[in-house]
Amino acid sequence: MLVASELVTNAVRHSLCAEDEFVSVRITRDGWFRIAVLDPGASGQRAEIADRPTELGGLGLKVVEQLAATWGTERRDDGYRVWAELEVPG
């Protein structure tokens, strides 16, 4: 839940999503949990771990990096996707 929350929060805060646009979340399970958040990508920014976190933020992707086995980004025709994969508890 924490990883999904951080990815969605970043998309909402940084995507420049307009009121009539959407941020979507897709979670799949195939040996791993994969959480993918797609936003319109209007800001043109890239998701990166902040060099200097502040009191107001900047730790979200560091948390994702610590909890996920892997994570990444991709710019697509329909927006910008940030995803993370987590091990399925066994």
PDB file of N, CA and C in Angstrom:
ATOM      1  N   MET A   1       0.826  -1.193   0.000  1.00  0.00           N
ATOM      2  CA  MET A   1       0.000   0.000   0.000  1.00  0.00           C
ATOM      3  C   MET A   1       0.867   1.252   0.000  1.00  0.00           C
ATOM      4  N   LEU A   2       1.970   1.221   0.730  1.00  0.00           N
ATOM      5  CA  LEU A   2       2.827   2.391   0.802  1.00  0.00           C
ATOM      6  C   LEU A   2       3.445   2.710  -0.560  1.00  0.00           C
ATOM      7  N   VAL A   3       3.906   1.702  -1.263  1.00  0.00           N
ATOM      8  CA  VAL A   3       4.492   1.916  -2.589  1.00  0.00           C
ATOM      9  C   VAL A   3       3.439   2.484  -3.540  1.00  0.00           C
ATOM     10  N   ALA A   4       2.256   1.911  -3.552  1.00  0.00           N
ATOM     11  CA  ALA A   4       1.186   2.418  -4.414  1.00  0.00           C
ATOM     12  C   ALA A   4       0.858   3.857  -4.055  1.00  0.00           C
ATOM     13  N   SER A   5       0.776   4.165  -2.781  1.00  0.00           N
ATOM     14  CA  SER A   5       0.466   5.515  -2.332  1.00  0.00           C
ATOM     15  C   SER A   5       1.527   6.513  -2.791  1.00  0.00           C
ATOM     16  N   GLU A   6       2.779   6.151  -2.686  1.00  0.00           N
ATOM     17  CA  GLU A   6       3.855   7.055  -3.108  1.00  0.00           C
ATOM     18  C   GLU A   6       3.820   7.293  -4.613  1.00  0.00           C
ATOM     19  N   LEU A   7       3.587   6.239  -5.395  1.00  0.00           N
ATOM     20  CA  LEU A   7       3.544   6.395  -6.850  1.00  0.00           C
ATOM     21  C   LEU A   7       2.363   7.267  -7.279  1.00  0.00           C
ATOM     22  N   VAL A   8       1.208   7.039  -6.664  1.00  0.00           N
ATOM     23  CA  VAL A   8       0.028   7.840  -7.001  1.00  0.00           C
ATOM     24  C   VAL A   8       0.231   9.288  -6.562  1.00  0.00           C
ATOM     25  N   THR A   9       0.757   9.497  -5.379  1.00  0.00           N
ATOM     26  CA  THR A   9       1.004  10.856  -4.895  1.00  0.00           C
ATOM     27  C   THR A   9       1.917  11.616  -5.843  1.00  0.00           C
ATOM     28  N   ASN A  10       2.984  10.980  -6.293  1.00  0.00           N
ATOM     29  CA  ASN A  10       3.900  11.642  -7.233  1.00  0.00           C
ATOM     30  C   ASN A  10       3.189  11.984  -8.537  1.00  0.00           C
ATOM     31  N   ALA A  11       2.373  11.083  -9.033  1.00  0.00           N
ATOM     32  CA  ALA A  11       1.657  11.344 -10.282  1.00  0.00           C
ATOM     33  C   ALA A  11       0.711  12.533 -10.123  1.00  0.00           C
ATOM     34  N   VAL A  12       0.001  12.580  -9.015  1.00  0.00           N
ATOM     35  CA  VAL A  12      -0.944  13.663  -8.784  1.00  0.00           C
ATOM     36  C   VAL A  12      -0.210  14.996  -8.609  1.00  0.00           C
ATOM     37  N   ARG A  13       0.883  14.993  -7.878  1.00  0.00           N
ATOM     38  CA  ARG A  13       1.605  16.237  -7.580  1.00  0.00           C
ATOM     39  C   ARG A  13       2.404  16.771  -8.757  1.00  0.00           C
ATOM     40  N   HIS A  14       2.943  15.897  -9.597  1.00  0.00           N
ATOM     41  CA  HIS A  14       3.925  16.336 -10.579  1.00  0.00           C
ATOM     42  C   HIS A  14       3.514  16.201 -12.042  1.00  0.00           C
ATOM     43  N   SER A  15       2.371  15.626 -12.344  1.00  0.00           N
ATOM     44  CA  SER A  15       2.030  15.332 -13.742  1.00  0.00           C
ATOM     45  C   SER A  15       1.377  16.487 -14.488  1.00  0.00           C
ATOM     46  N   LEU A  16       0.933  17.508 -13.777  1.00  0.00           N
ATOM     47  CA  LEU A  16       0.158  18.607 -14.373  1.00  0.00           C
ATOM     48  C   LEU A  16      -1.135  18.082 -14.995  1.00  0.00           C
ATOM     49  N   CYS A  17      -1.705  17.078 -14.374  1.00  0.00           N
ATOM     50  CA  CYS A  17      -2.949  16.474 -14.835  1.00  0.00           C
ATOM     51  C   CYS A  17      -4.091  17.486 -14.698  1.00  0.00           C
ATOM     52  N   ALA A  18      -4.829  17.697 -15.780  1.00  0.00           N
ATOM     53  CA  ALA A  18      -5.977  18.607 -15.767  1.00  0.00           C
ATOM     54  C   ALA A  18      -7.189  17.910 -15.137  1.00  0.00           C
ATOM     55  N   GLU A  19      -8.194  18.690 -14.798  1.00  0.00           N
ATOM     56  CA  GLU A  19      -9.387  18.141 -14.145  1.00  0.00           C
ATOM     57  C   GLU A  19     -10.096  17.091 -14.982  1.00  0.00           C
ATOM     58  N   ASP A  20     -10.006  17.168 -16.291  1.00  0.00           N
ATOM     59  CA  ASP A  20     -10.692  16.206 -17.151  1.00  0.00           C
ATOM     60  C   ASP A  20      -9.784  15.052 -17.584  1.00  0.00           C
ATOM     61  N   GLU A  21      -8.587  14.949 -16.998  1.00  0.00           N
ATOM     62  CA  GLU A  21      -7.668  13.858 -17.297  1.00  0.00           C
ATOM     63  C   GLU A  21      -7.618  12.901 -16.107  1.00  0.00           C
ATOM     64  N   PHE A  22      -7.012  11.751 -16.326  1.00  0.00           N
ATOM     65  CA  PHE A  22      -7.000  10.712 -15.302  1.00  0.00           C
ATOM     66  C   PHE A  22      -5.598  10.239 -14.983  1.00  0.00           C
ATOM     67  N   VAL A  23      -5.445   9.775 -13.764  1.00  0.00           N
ATOM     68  CA  VAL A  23      -4.286   9.004 -13.329  1.00  0.00           C
ATOM     69  C   VAL A  23      -4.829   7.602 -13.091  1.00  0.00           C
ATOM     70  N   SER A  24      -4.206   6.601 -13.702  1.00  0.00           N
ATOM     71  CA  SER A  24      -4.707   5.239 -13.526  1.00  0.00           C
ATOM     72  C   SER A  24      -3.678   4.381 -12.801  1.00  0.00           C
ATOM     73  N   VAL A  25      -4.188   3.413 -12.073  1.00  0.00           N
ATOM     74  CA  VAL A  25      -3.350   2.478 -11.320  1.00  0.00           C
ATOM     75  C   VAL A  25      -3.689   1.076 -11.777  1.00  0.00           C
ATOM     76  N   ARG A  26      -2.658   0.311 -12.069  1.00  0.00           N
ATOM     77  CA  ARG A  26      -2.863  -1.086 -12.459  1.00  0.00           C
ATOM     78  C   ARG A  26      -1.954  -1.949 -11.588  1.00  0.00           C
ATOM     79  N   ILE A  27      -2.546  -2.952 -10.979  1.00  0.00           N
ATOM     80  CA  ILE A  27      -1.785  -3.884 -10.143  1.00  0.00           C
ATOM     81  C   ILE A  27      -1.973  -5.277 -10.714  1.00  0.00           C
ATOM     82  N   THR A  28      -0.860  -5.931 -10.984  1.00  0.00           N
ATOM     83  CA  THR A  28      -0.900  -7.290 -11.511  1.00  0.00           C
ATOM     84  C   THR A  28      -0.051  -8.193 -10.619  1.00  0.00           C
ATOM     85  N   ARG A  29      -0.362  -9.465 -10.683  1.00  0.00           N
ATOM     86  CA  ARG A  29       0.394 -10.448  -9.900  1.00  0.00           C
ATOM     87  C   ARG A  29       0.733 -11.610 -10.813  1.00  0.00           C
ATOM     88  N   ASP A  30       2.013 -11.808 -11.018  1.00  0.00           N
ATOM     89  CA  ASP A  30       2.501 -12.921 -11.831  1.00  0.00           C
ATOM     90  C   ASP A  30       3.867 -13.318 -11.294  1.00  0.00           C
ATOM     91  N   GLY A  31       3.869 -13.877 -10.094  1.00  0.00           N
ATOM     92  CA  GLY A  31       5.120 -14.169  -9.421  1.00  0.00           C
ATOM     93  C   GLY A  31       5.631 -12.966  -8.639  1.00  0.00           C
ATOM     94  N   TRP A  32       5.259 -11.773  -9.063  1.00  0.00           N
ATOM     95  CA  TRP A  32       5.578 -10.511  -8.401  1.00  0.00           C
ATOM     96  C   TRP A  32       4.304  -9.683  -8.352  1.00  0.00           C
ATOM     97  N   PHE A  33       4.242  -8.735  -7.433  1.00  0.00           N
ATOM     98  CA  PHE A  33       3.229  -7.694  -7.500  1.00  0.00           C
ATOM     99  C   PHE A  33       3.832  -6.566  -8.323  1.00  0.00           C
ATOM    100  N   ARG A  34       3.159  -6.165  -9.359  1.00  0.00           N
ATOM    101  CA  ARG A  34       3.617  -5.027 -10.165  1.00  0.00           C
ATOM    102  C   ARG A  34       2.568  -3.935 -10.043  1.00  0.00           C
ATOM    103  N   ILE A  35       2.988  -2.790  -9.550  1.00  0.00           N
ATOM    104  CA  ILE A  35       2.125  -1.627  -9.405  1.00  0.00           C
ATOM    105  C   ILE A  35       2.579  -0.612 -10.446  1.00  0.00           C
ATOM    106  N   ALA A  36       1.669  -0.217 -11.320  1.00  0.00           N
ATOM    107  CA  ALA A  36       1.998   0.748 -12.375  1.00  0.00           C
ATOM    108  C   ALA A  36       1.019   1.904 -12.324  1.00  0.00           C
ATOM    109  N   VAL A  37       1.539   3.119 -12.332  1.00  0.00           N
ATOM    110  CA  VAL A  37       0.717   4.329 -12.302  1.00  0.00           C
ATOM    111  C   VAL A  37       0.984   5.096 -13.588  1.00  0.00           C
ATOM    112  N   LEU A  38      -0.086   5.387 -14.317  1.00  0.00           N
ATOM    113  CA  LEU A  38       0.005   6.095 -15.587  1.00  0.00           C
ATOM    114  C   LEU A  38      -0.665   7.454 -15.453  1.00  0.00           C
ATOM    115  N   ASP A  39       0.071   8.516 -15.799  1.00  0.00           N
ATOM    116  CA  ASP A  39      -0.494   9.861 -15.809  1.00  0.00           C
ATOM    117  C   ASP A  39      -0.331  10.448 -17.206  1.00  0.00           C
ATOM    118  N   PRO A  40      -0.974  11.580 -17.481  1.00  0.00           N
ATOM    119  CA  PRO A  40      -0.905  12.152 -18.828  1.00  0.00           C
ATOM    120  C   PRO A  40       0.504  12.561 -19.264  1.00  0.00           C
ATOM    121  N   GLY A  41       1.410  12.774 -18.336  1.00  0.00           N
ATOM    122  CA  GLY A  41       2.789  13.108 -18.679  1.00  0.00           C
ATOM    123  C   GLY A  41       2.975  14.515 -19.210  1.00  0.00           C
ATOM    124  N   ALA A  42       2.054  15.412 -18.905  1.00  0.00           N
ATOM    125  CA  ALA A  42       2.098  16.762 -19.454  1.00  0.00           C
ATOM    126  C   ALA A  42       3.265  17.589 -18.940  1.00  0.00           C
ATOM    127  N   SER A  43       3.794  17.263 -17.765  1.00  0.00           N
ATOM    128  CA  SER A  43       4.876  18.072 -17.202  1.00  0.00           C
ATOM    129  C   SER A  43       6.182  17.882 -17.959  1.00  0.00           C
ATOM    130  N   GLY A  44       6.357  16.725 -18.605  1.00  0.00           N
ATOM    131  CA  GLY A  44       7.612  16.433 -19.284  1.00  0.00           C
ATOM    132  C   GLY A  44       8.743  16.057 -18.342  1.00  0.00           C
ATOM    133  N   GLN A  45       8.471  16.051 -17.044  1.00  0.00           N
ATOM    134  CA  GLN A  45       9.487  15.696 -16.054  1.00  0.00           C
ATOM    135  C   GLN A  45       9.686  14.190 -15.998  1.00  0.00           C
ATOM    136  N   ARG A  46      10.809  13.797 -15.396  1.00  0.00           N
ATOM    137  CA  ARG A  46      11.098  12.384 -15.163  1.00  0.00           C
ATOM    138  C   ARG A  46      11.045  12.105 -13.674  1.00  0.00           C
ATOM    139  N   ALA A  47      10.600  10.926 -13.321  1.00  0.00           N
ATOM    140  CA  ALA A  47      10.600  10.516 -11.919  1.00  0.00           C
ATOM    141  C   ALA A  47      12.031  10.156 -11.529  1.00  0.00           C
ATOM    142  N   GLU A  48      12.556  10.877 -10.553  1.00  0.00           N
ATOM    143  CA  GLU A  48      13.917  10.641 -10.076  1.00  0.00           C
ATOM    144  C   GLU A  48      13.944  10.756  -8.561  1.00  0.00           C
ATOM    145  N   ILE A  49      14.867  10.049  -7.952  1.00  0.00           N
ATOM    146  CA  ILE A  49      15.055  10.170  -6.508  1.00  0.00           C
ATOM    147  C   ILE A  49      15.678  11.536  -6.246  1.00  0.00           C
ATOM    148  N   ALA A  50      15.093  12.283  -5.330  1.00  0.00           N
ATOM    149  CA  ALA A  50      15.543  13.641  -5.033  1.00  0.00           C
ATOM    150  C   ALA A  50      16.942  13.632  -4.427  1.00  0.00           C
ATOM    151  N   ASP A  51      17.784  14.533  -4.926  1.00  0.00           N
ATOM    152  CA  ASP A  51      19.122  14.694  -4.353  1.00  0.00           C
ATOM    153  C   ASP A  51      19.063  15.301  -2.963  1.00  0.00           C
ATOM    154  N   ARG A  52      18.124  16.247  -2.791  1.00  0.00           N
ATOM    155  CA  ARG A  52      17.995  16.960  -1.521  1.00  0.00           C
ATOM    156  C   ARG A  52      16.536  16.991  -1.083  1.00  0.00           C
ATOM    157  N   PRO A  53      16.108  15.984  -0.358  1.00  0.00           N
ATOM    158  CA  PRO A  53      14.729  16.014   0.144  1.00  0.00           C
ATOM    159  C   PRO A  53      14.520  17.232   1.040  1.00  0.00           C
ATOM    160  N   THR A  54      13.286  17.717   1.078  1.00  0.00           N
ATOM    161  CA  THR A  54      12.954  18.859   1.932  1.00  0.00           C
ATOM    162  C   THR A  54      11.927  18.429   2.962  1.00  0.00           C
ATOM    163  N   GLU A  55      11.563  19.361   3.823  1.00  0.00           N
ATOM    164  CA  GLU A  55      10.519  19.076   4.811  1.00  0.00           C
ATOM    165  C   GLU A  55       9.183  18.807   4.137  1.00  0.00           C
ATOM    166  N   LEU A  56       9.004  19.324   2.916  1.00  0.00           N
ATOM    167  CA  LEU A  56       7.738  19.180   2.209  1.00  0.00           C
ATOM    168  C   LEU A  56       7.676  17.957   1.319  1.00  0.00           C
ATOM    169  N   GLY A  57       8.752  17.239   1.158  1.00  0.00           N
ATOM    170  CA  GLY A  57       8.718  16.047   0.324  1.00  0.00           C
ATOM    171  C   GLY A  57      10.073  15.692  -0.252  1.00  0.00           C
ATOM    172  N   GLY A  58      10.032  14.741  -1.170  1.00  0.00           N
ATOM    173  CA  GLY A  58      11.259  14.325  -1.823  1.00  0.00           C
ATOM    174  C   GLY A  58      11.751  12.957  -1.416  1.00  0.00           C
ATOM    175  N   LEU A  59      11.042  12.295  -0.518  1.00  0.00           N
ATOM    176  CA  LEU A  59      11.472  10.970  -0.068  1.00  0.00           C
ATOM    177  C   LEU A  59      10.675   9.833  -0.683  1.00  0.00           C
ATOM    178  N   GLY A  60       9.607  10.138  -1.424  1.00  0.00           N
ATOM    179  CA  GLY A  60       8.708   9.109  -1.938  1.00  0.00           C
ATOM    180  C   GLY A  60       9.385   8.044  -2.774  1.00  0.00           C
ATOM    181  N   LEU A  61      10.173   8.442  -3.759  1.00  0.00           N
ATOM    182  CA  LEU A  61      10.826   7.438  -4.601  1.00  0.00           C
ATOM    183  C   LEU A  61      11.956   6.728  -3.867  1.00  0.00           C
ATOM    184  N   LYS A  62      12.532   7.357  -2.857  1.00  0.00           N
ATOM    185  CA  LYS A  62      13.526   6.673  -2.021  1.00  0.00           C
ATOM    186  C   LYS A  62      12.846   5.535  -1.261  1.00  0.00           C
ATOM    187  N   VAL A  63      11.634   5.788  -0.771  1.00  0.00           N
ATOM    188  CA  VAL A  63      10.857   4.746  -0.092  1.00  0.00           C
ATOM    189  C   VAL A  63      10.547   3.620  -1.074  1.00  0.00           C
ATOM    190  N   VAL A  64      10.101   3.981  -2.288  1.00  0.00           N
ATOM    191  CA  VAL A  64       9.812   2.973  -3.314  1.00  0.00           C
ATOM    192  C   VAL A  64      11.049   2.152  -3.606  1.00  0.00           C
ATOM    193  N   GLU A  65      12.186   2.805  -3.766  1.00  0.00           N
ATOM    194  CA  GLU A  65      13.438   2.098  -4.057  1.00  0.00           C
ATOM    195  C   GLU A  65      13.809   1.114  -2.950  1.00  0.00           C
ATOM    196  N   GLN A  66      13.569   1.495  -1.704  1.00  0.00           N
ATOM    197  CA  GLN A  66      13.909   0.639  -0.571  1.00  0.00           C
ATOM    198  C   GLN A  66      12.978  -0.561  -0.436  1.00  0.00           C
ATOM    199  N   LEU A  67      11.704  -0.394  -0.780  1.00  0.00           N
ATOM    200  CA  LEU A  67      10.723  -1.457  -0.587  1.00  0.00           C
ATOM    201  C   LEU A  67      10.554  -2.374  -1.802  1.00  0.00           C
ATOM    202  N   ALA A  68      10.783  -1.849  -2.991  1.00  0.00           N
ATOM    203  CA  ALA A  68      10.549  -2.616  -4.216  1.00  0.00           C
ATOM    204  C   ALA A  68      11.802  -3.391  -4.615  1.00  0.00           C
ATOM    205  N   ALA A  69      11.579  -4.527  -5.270  1.00  0.00           N
ATOM    206  CA  ALA A  69      12.711  -5.279  -5.821  1.00  0.00           C
ATOM    207  C   ALA A  69      13.325  -4.505  -6.980  1.00  0.00           C
ATOM    208  N   THR A  70      12.463  -3.840  -7.745  1.00  0.00           N
ATOM    209  CA  THR A  70      12.902  -2.997  -8.858  1.00  0.00           C
ATOM    210  C   THR A  70      11.798  -1.995  -9.172  1.00  0.00           C
ATOM    211  N   TRP A  71      12.162  -0.910  -9.827  1.00  0.00           N
ATOM    212  CA  TRP A  71      11.180   0.083 -10.251  1.00  0.00           C
ATOM    213  C   TRP A  71      11.731   0.790 -11.473  1.00  0.00           C
ATOM    214  N   GLY A  72      10.840   1.458 -12.197  1.00  0.00           N
ATOM    215  CA  GLY A  72      11.294   2.154 -13.386  1.00  0.00           C
ATOM    216  C   GLY A  72      10.225   3.052 -13.955  1.00  0.00           C
ATOM    217  N   THR A  73      10.548   3.652 -15.090  1.00  0.00           N
ATOM    218  CA  THR A  73       9.645   4.591 -15.737  1.00  0.00           C
ATOM    219  C   THR A  73       9.652   4.362 -17.236  1.00  0.00           C
ATOM    220  N   GLU A  74       8.599   4.836 -17.881  1.00  0.00           N
ATOM    221  CA  GLU A  74       8.568   4.808 -19.344  1.00  0.00           C
ATOM    222  C   GLU A  74       7.625   5.891 -19.849  1.00  0.00           C
ATOM    223  N   ARG A  75       8.092   6.625 -20.835  1.00  0.00           N
ATOM    224  CA  ARG A  75       7.239   7.601 -21.502  1.00  0.00           C
ATOM    225  C   ARG A  75       6.578   6.878 -22.662  1.00  0.00           C
ATOM    226  N   ARG A  76       5.245   7.022 -22.766  1.00  0.00           N
ATOM    227  CA  ARG A  76       4.463   6.317 -23.779  1.00  0.00           C
ATOM    228  C   ARG A  76       3.616   7.313 -24.549  1.00  0.00           C
ATOM    229  N   ASP A  77       2.987   6.848 -25.606  1.00  0.00           N
ATOM    230  CA  ASP A  77       2.097   7.713 -26.377  1.00  0.00           C
ATOM    231  C   ASP A  77       0.925   8.217 -25.534  1.00  0.00           C
ATOM    232  N   ASP A  78       0.492   7.402 -24.573  1.00  0.00           N
ATOM    233  CA  ASP A  78      -0.663   7.779 -23.751  1.00  0.00           C
ATOM    234  C   ASP A  78      -0.288   8.372 -22.394  1.00  0.00           C
ATOM    235  N   GLY A  79       0.997   8.675 -22.178  1.00  0.00           N
ATOM    236  CA  GLY A  79       1.390   9.315 -20.929  1.00  0.00           C
ATOM    237  C   GLY A  79       2.719   8.823 -20.402  1.00  0.00           C
ATOM    238  N   TYR A  80       2.867   8.937 -19.098  1.00  0.00           N
ATOM    239  CA  TYR A  80       4.102   8.584 -18.408  1.00  0.00           C
ATOM    240  C   TYR A  80       3.769   7.561 -17.330  1.00  0.00           C
ATOM    241  N   ARG A  81       4.464   6.449 -17.361  1.00  0.00           N
ATOM    242  CA  ARG A  81       4.195   5.370 -16.406  1.00  0.00           C
ATOM    243  C   ARG A  81       5.387   5.190 -15.471  1.00  0.00           C
ATOM    244  N   VAL A  82       5.073   5.078 -14.195  1.00  0.00           N
ATOM    245  CA  VAL A  82       6.061   4.719 -13.185  1.00  0.00           C
ATOM    246  C   VAL A  82       5.573   3.421 -12.565  1.00  0.00           C
ATOM    247  N   TRP A  83       6.469   2.453 -12.430  1.00  0.00           N
ATOM    248  CA  TRP A  83       6.063   1.141 -11.927  1.00  0.00           C
ATOM    249  C   TRP A  83       7.061   0.645 -10.893  1.00  0.00           C
ATOM    250  N   ALA A  84       6.592  -0.294 -10.091  1.00  0.00           N
ATOM    251  CA  ALA A  84       7.447  -0.946  -9.081  1.00  0.00           C
ATOM    252  C   ALA A  84       7.005  -2.401  -8.978  1.00  0.00           C
ATOM    253  N   GLU A  85       7.974  -3.257  -8.748  1.00  0.00           N
ATOM    254  CA  GLU A  85       7.685  -4.680  -8.533  1.00  0.00           C
ATOM    255  C   GLU A  85       8.117  -5.077  -7.136  1.00  0.00           C
ATOM    256  N   LEU A  86       7.233  -5.809  -6.468  1.00  0.00           N
ATOM    257  CA  LEU A  86       7.483  -6.282  -5.109  1.00  0.00           C
ATOM    258  C   LEU A  86       7.322  -7.783  -5.051  1.00  0.00           C
ATOM    259  N   GLU A  87       8.090  -8.416  -4.196  1.00  0.00           N
ATOM    260  CA  GLU A  87       7.967  -9.853  -4.026  1.00  0.00           C
ATOM    261  C   GLU A  87       6.623 -10.198  -3.401  1.00  0.00           C
ATOM    262  N   VAL A  88       6.042 -11.289  -3.820  1.00  0.00           N
ATOM    263  CA  VAL A  88       4.810 -11.788  -3.217  1.00  0.00           C
ATOM    264  C   VAL A  88       5.191 -12.507  -1.930  1.00  0.00           C
ATOM    265  N   PRO A  89       4.608 -12.099  -0.806  1.00  0.00           N
ATOM    266  CA  PRO A  89       4.936 -12.775   0.470  1.00  0.00           C
ATOM    267  C   PRO A  89       4.601 -14.262   0.374  1.00  0.00           C
ATOM    268  N   GLY A  90       5.475 -15.079   0.870  1.00  0.00           N
ATOM    269  CA  GLY A  90       5.230 -16.493   0.756  1.00  0.00           C
ATOM    270  C   GLY A  90       5.421 -17.169   2.012  1.00  0.00           C
TER     271      GLY A  90
END
